[in-house]
Amino acid sequence: MTRVLSGAVLIVVAVAAVWFAPAWLFLLIAELLVILACYEFAGLVRASALSFPTVVATIAAALTCAAFSRATPGRGTALEVVLRPG
């Protein structure tokens, strides 16, 4: 039941951030959600007796989120630059 309630709260926060938050706050909330998701995943991996580099994976995920949030002036977003053919 705790997971359902925390999931419901996170969904409300995410939807509110998309509609009402300025760009810097949206990025901050997105980063926090990425970090929470990484630690949740790490807990699931540990429960299955596998090893998982939690800190490295969390830093990589947060940096990826930050990189894709930056707009490249005159060239589009980072995702458009990556997907652009040539």
N, C-alpha and C. Protein backbone atom coordinates (compact mmCIF):
# COMPACT_ATOMS: atom_id res chain seq x y z
N MET A 1 0.82 -1.19 0.00
CA MET A 1 0.00 0.00 0.00
C MET A 1 0.87 1.27 0.00
N THR A 2 2.03 1.19 0.68
CA THR A 2 2.93 2.34 0.74
C THR A 2 3.43 2.71 -0.65
N ARG A 3 3.75 1.70 -1.47
CA ARG A 3 4.23 1.97 -2.83
C ARG A 3 3.16 2.63 -3.67
N VAL A 4 1.93 2.23 -3.50
CA VAL A 4 0.83 2.82 -4.26
C VAL A 4 0.64 4.29 -3.87
N LEU A 5 0.68 4.56 -2.58
CA LEU A 5 0.52 5.94 -2.12
C LEU A 5 1.69 6.82 -2.54
N SER A 6 2.91 6.31 -2.41
CA SER A 6 4.06 7.12 -2.82
C SER A 6 4.05 7.33 -4.34
N GLY A 7 3.62 6.33 -5.08
CA GLY A 7 3.49 6.47 -6.53
C GLY A 7 2.45 7.51 -6.90
N ALA A 8 1.34 7.51 -6.20
CA ALA A 8 0.29 8.50 -6.47
C ALA A 8 0.78 9.92 -6.18
N VAL A 9 1.51 10.09 -5.08
CA VAL A 9 2.05 11.41 -4.75
C VAL A 9 3.05 11.85 -5.80
N LEU A 10 3.93 10.95 -6.24
CA LEU A 10 4.92 11.31 -7.26
C LEU A 10 4.26 11.66 -8.59
N ILE A 11 3.19 10.99 -8.93
CA ILE A 11 2.48 11.31 -10.18
C ILE A 11 1.88 12.71 -10.09
N VAL A 12 1.29 13.04 -8.96
CA VAL A 12 0.71 14.38 -8.78
C VAL A 12 1.80 15.45 -8.87
N VAL A 13 2.93 15.21 -8.24
CA VAL A 13 4.04 16.18 -8.29
C VAL A 13 4.56 16.32 -9.71
N ALA A 14 4.70 15.21 -10.43
CA ALA A 14 5.21 15.26 -11.80
C ALA A 14 4.26 16.01 -12.73
N VAL A 15 2.97 15.75 -12.61
CA VAL A 15 1.99 16.45 -13.46
C VAL A 15 1.97 17.94 -13.13
N ALA A 16 2.01 18.28 -11.86
CA ALA A 16 2.04 19.70 -11.47
C ALA A 16 3.30 20.37 -11.99
N ALA A 17 4.42 19.67 -11.96
CA ALA A 17 5.67 20.25 -12.46
C ALA A 17 5.60 20.51 -13.95
N VAL A 18 5.01 19.61 -14.69
CA VAL A 18 4.90 19.79 -16.14
C VAL A 18 4.04 21.01 -16.46
N TRP A 19 2.97 21.20 -15.74
CA TRP A 19 2.06 22.29 -16.07
C TRP A 19 2.44 23.64 -15.47
N PHE A 20 2.99 23.65 -14.26
CA PHE A 20 3.12 24.92 -13.55
C PHE A 20 4.55 25.37 -13.25
N ALA A 21 5.51 24.49 -13.30
CA ALA A 21 6.85 24.83 -12.83
C ALA A 21 7.67 25.55 -13.91
N PRO A 22 8.53 26.49 -13.49
CA PRO A 22 9.50 27.07 -14.44
C PRO A 22 10.54 26.00 -14.80
N ALA A 23 11.32 26.26 -15.82
CA ALA A 23 12.25 25.26 -16.36
C ALA A 23 13.24 24.76 -15.31
N TRP A 24 13.79 25.65 -14.49
CA TRP A 24 14.79 25.22 -13.50
C TRP A 24 14.17 24.30 -12.45
N LEU A 25 12.93 24.58 -12.04
CA LEU A 25 12.26 23.74 -11.05
C LEU A 25 11.86 22.40 -11.66
N PHE A 26 11.44 22.43 -12.92
CA PHE A 26 11.10 21.19 -13.62
C PHE A 26 12.33 20.28 -13.69
N LEU A 27 13.49 20.84 -14.01
CA LEU A 27 14.72 20.05 -14.06
C LEU A 27 15.07 19.50 -12.68
N LEU A 28 14.94 20.29 -11.65
CA LEU A 28 15.23 19.84 -10.30
C LEU A 28 14.31 18.68 -9.90
N ILE A 29 13.04 18.79 -10.20
CA ILE A 29 12.10 17.72 -9.89
C ILE A 29 12.41 16.48 -10.72
N ALA A 30 12.74 16.66 -11.99
CA ALA A 30 13.09 15.51 -12.83
C ALA A 30 14.33 14.81 -12.30
N GLU A 31 15.32 15.57 -11.87
CA GLU A 31 16.54 14.97 -11.31
C GLU A 31 16.22 14.19 -10.03
N LEU A 32 15.38 14.75 -9.17
CA LEU A 32 15.01 14.04 -7.95
C LEU A 32 14.27 12.75 -8.27
N LEU A 33 13.39 12.78 -9.26
CA LEU A 33 12.67 11.57 -9.65
C LEU A 33 13.62 10.52 -10.23
N VAL A 34 14.61 10.95 -10.99
CA VAL A 34 15.60 10.01 -11.54
C VAL A 34 16.40 9.37 -10.40
N ILE A 35 16.81 10.16 -9.43
CA ILE A 35 17.57 9.63 -8.30
C ILE A 35 16.73 8.64 -7.49
N LEU A 36 15.47 9.00 -7.23
CA LEU A 36 14.59 8.09 -6.51
C LEU A 36 14.37 6.79 -7.28
N ALA A 37 14.21 6.89 -8.58
CA ALA A 37 14.02 5.69 -9.40
C ALA A 37 15.25 4.80 -9.38
N CYS A 38 16.43 5.39 -9.42
CA CYS A 38 17.67 4.60 -9.38
C CYS A 38 17.80 3.86 -8.06
N TYR A 39 17.50 4.53 -6.95
CA TYR A 39 17.60 3.86 -5.66
C TYR A 39 16.51 2.80 -5.49
N GLU A 40 15.35 3.01 -6.05
CA GLU A 40 14.31 1.99 -6.04
C GLU A 40 14.76 0.77 -6.84
N PHE A 41 15.33 1.01 -8.00
CA PHE A 41 15.83 -0.09 -8.82
C PHE A 41 16.97 -0.83 -8.11
N ALA A 42 17.84 -0.09 -7.46
CA ALA A 42 18.94 -0.72 -6.72
C ALA A 42 18.41 -1.62 -5.61
N GLY A 43 17.36 -1.20 -4.95
CA GLY A 43 16.75 -2.04 -3.92
C GLY A 43 16.19 -3.33 -4.49
N LEU A 44 15.57 -3.23 -5.66
CA LEU A 44 15.04 -4.43 -6.31
C LEU A 44 16.17 -5.37 -6.73
N VAL A 45 17.26 -4.81 -7.22
CA VAL A 45 18.40 -5.63 -7.63
C VAL A 45 19.03 -6.32 -6.42
N ARG A 46 19.20 -5.58 -5.33
CA ARG A 46 19.78 -6.17 -4.12
C ARG A 46 18.89 -7.29 -3.58
N ALA A 47 17.58 -7.14 -3.70
CA ALA A 47 16.67 -8.18 -3.22
C ALA A 47 16.80 -9.46 -4.03
N SER A 48 17.29 -9.35 -5.25
CA SER A 48 17.48 -10.55 -6.07
C SER A 48 18.92 -11.06 -6.01
N ALA A 49 19.69 -10.55 -5.07
CA ALA A 49 21.07 -10.99 -4.81
C ALA A 49 22.02 -10.74 -5.98
N LEU A 50 21.79 -9.70 -6.73
CA LEU A 50 22.70 -9.31 -7.81
C LEU A 50 23.45 -8.06 -7.38
N SER A 51 24.59 -7.82 -8.00
CA SER A 51 25.32 -6.59 -7.69
C SER A 51 24.91 -5.50 -8.67
N PHE A 52 24.92 -4.27 -8.18
CA PHE A 52 24.52 -3.12 -8.98
C PHE A 52 25.28 -1.90 -8.49
N PRO A 53 25.98 -1.20 -9.39
CA PRO A 53 26.73 -0.01 -8.97
C PRO A 53 25.78 1.19 -8.77
N THR A 54 25.18 1.27 -7.61
CA THR A 54 24.13 2.26 -7.35
C THR A 54 24.59 3.69 -7.57
N VAL A 55 25.72 4.05 -6.99
CA VAL A 55 26.20 5.44 -7.07
C VAL A 55 26.57 5.80 -8.51
N VAL A 56 27.28 4.92 -9.18
CA VAL A 56 27.70 5.19 -10.57
C VAL A 56 26.48 5.29 -11.48
N ALA A 57 25.54 4.37 -11.33
CA ALA A 57 24.35 4.38 -12.18
C ALA A 57 23.49 5.62 -11.92
N THR A 58 23.39 6.02 -10.66
CA THR A 58 22.59 7.20 -10.32
C THR A 58 23.23 8.46 -10.88
N ILE A 59 24.54 8.59 -10.76
CA ILE A 59 25.22 9.76 -11.31
C ILE A 59 25.08 9.80 -12.83
N ALA A 60 25.24 8.64 -13.49
CA ALA A 60 25.10 8.59 -14.95
C ALA A 60 23.69 8.97 -15.38
N ALA A 61 22.69 8.49 -14.67
CA ALA A 61 21.30 8.81 -15.01
C ALA A 61 21.01 10.30 -14.80
N ALA A 62 21.51 10.86 -13.70
CA ALA A 62 21.29 12.29 -13.43
C ALA A 62 21.99 13.16 -14.47
N LEU A 63 23.21 12.80 -14.85
CA LEU A 63 23.93 13.57 -15.87
C LEU A 63 23.24 13.47 -17.24
N THR A 64 22.72 12.29 -17.56
CA THR A 64 22.00 12.13 -18.82
C THR A 64 20.74 13.00 -18.82
N CYS A 65 20.02 13.01 -17.72
CA CYS A 65 18.82 13.84 -17.61
C CYS A 65 19.18 15.32 -17.77
N ALA A 66 20.24 15.76 -17.13
CA ALA A 66 20.66 17.16 -17.23
C ALA A 66 21.11 17.50 -18.64
N ALA A 67 21.82 16.58 -19.29
CA ALA A 67 22.31 16.85 -20.64
C ALA A 67 21.16 17.00 -21.63
N PHE A 68 20.13 16.20 -21.49
CA PHE A 68 19.01 16.29 -22.41
C PHE A 68 18.07 17.45 -22.09
N SER A 69 18.26 18.09 -20.96
CA SER A 69 17.41 19.23 -20.62
C SER A 69 17.95 20.52 -21.21
N ARG A 70 19.20 20.54 -21.60
CA ARG A 70 19.83 21.75 -22.11
C ARG A 70 19.48 21.95 -23.58
N ALA A 71 19.13 23.15 -23.94
CA ALA A 71 18.87 23.47 -25.34
C ALA A 71 20.16 23.99 -25.97
N THR A 72 20.39 23.61 -27.19
CA THR A 72 21.55 24.09 -27.93
C THR A 72 21.07 25.25 -28.81
N PRO A 73 21.52 26.48 -28.56
CA PRO A 73 21.03 27.63 -29.31
C PRO A 73 21.23 27.46 -30.83
N GLY A 74 20.14 27.61 -31.56
CA GLY A 74 20.21 27.53 -33.01
C GLY A 74 20.25 26.12 -33.57
N ARG A 75 20.39 25.12 -32.71
CA ARG A 75 20.50 23.74 -33.20
C ARG A 75 19.41 22.85 -32.64
N GLY A 76 18.58 23.33 -31.73
CA GLY A 76 17.54 22.52 -31.15
C GLY A 76 17.96 21.92 -29.82
N THR A 77 17.16 21.02 -29.31
CA THR A 77 17.49 20.38 -28.04
C THR A 77 18.56 19.32 -28.25
N ALA A 78 19.12 18.82 -27.16
CA ALA A 78 20.16 17.80 -27.25
C ALA A 78 19.65 16.55 -27.96
N LEU A 79 18.40 16.19 -27.71
CA LEU A 79 17.83 15.01 -28.37
C LEU A 79 17.74 15.22 -29.87
N GLU A 80 17.32 16.41 -30.30
CA GLU A 80 17.25 16.68 -31.74
C GLU A 80 18.63 16.66 -32.38
N VAL A 81 19.64 17.15 -31.67
CA VAL A 81 20.99 17.14 -32.19
C VAL A 81 21.49 15.71 -32.34
N VAL A 82 21.21 14.88 -31.36
CA VAL A 82 21.64 13.48 -31.41
C VAL A 82 20.94 12.72 -32.53
N LEU A 83 19.67 12.97 -32.72
CA LEU A 83 18.90 12.22 -33.71
C LEU A 83 18.98 12.78 -35.13
N ARG A 84 19.53 13.99 -35.27
CA ARG A 84 19.60 14.62 -36.58
C ARG A 84 20.59 13.86 -37.47
N PRO A 85 20.18 13.48 -38.69
CA PRO A 85 21.08 12.72 -39.57
C PRO A 85 22.05 13.63 -40.32
N GLY A 86 23.23 13.78 -39.84
CA GLY A 86 24.23 14.56 -40.57
C GLY A 86 24.34 15.90 -40.13
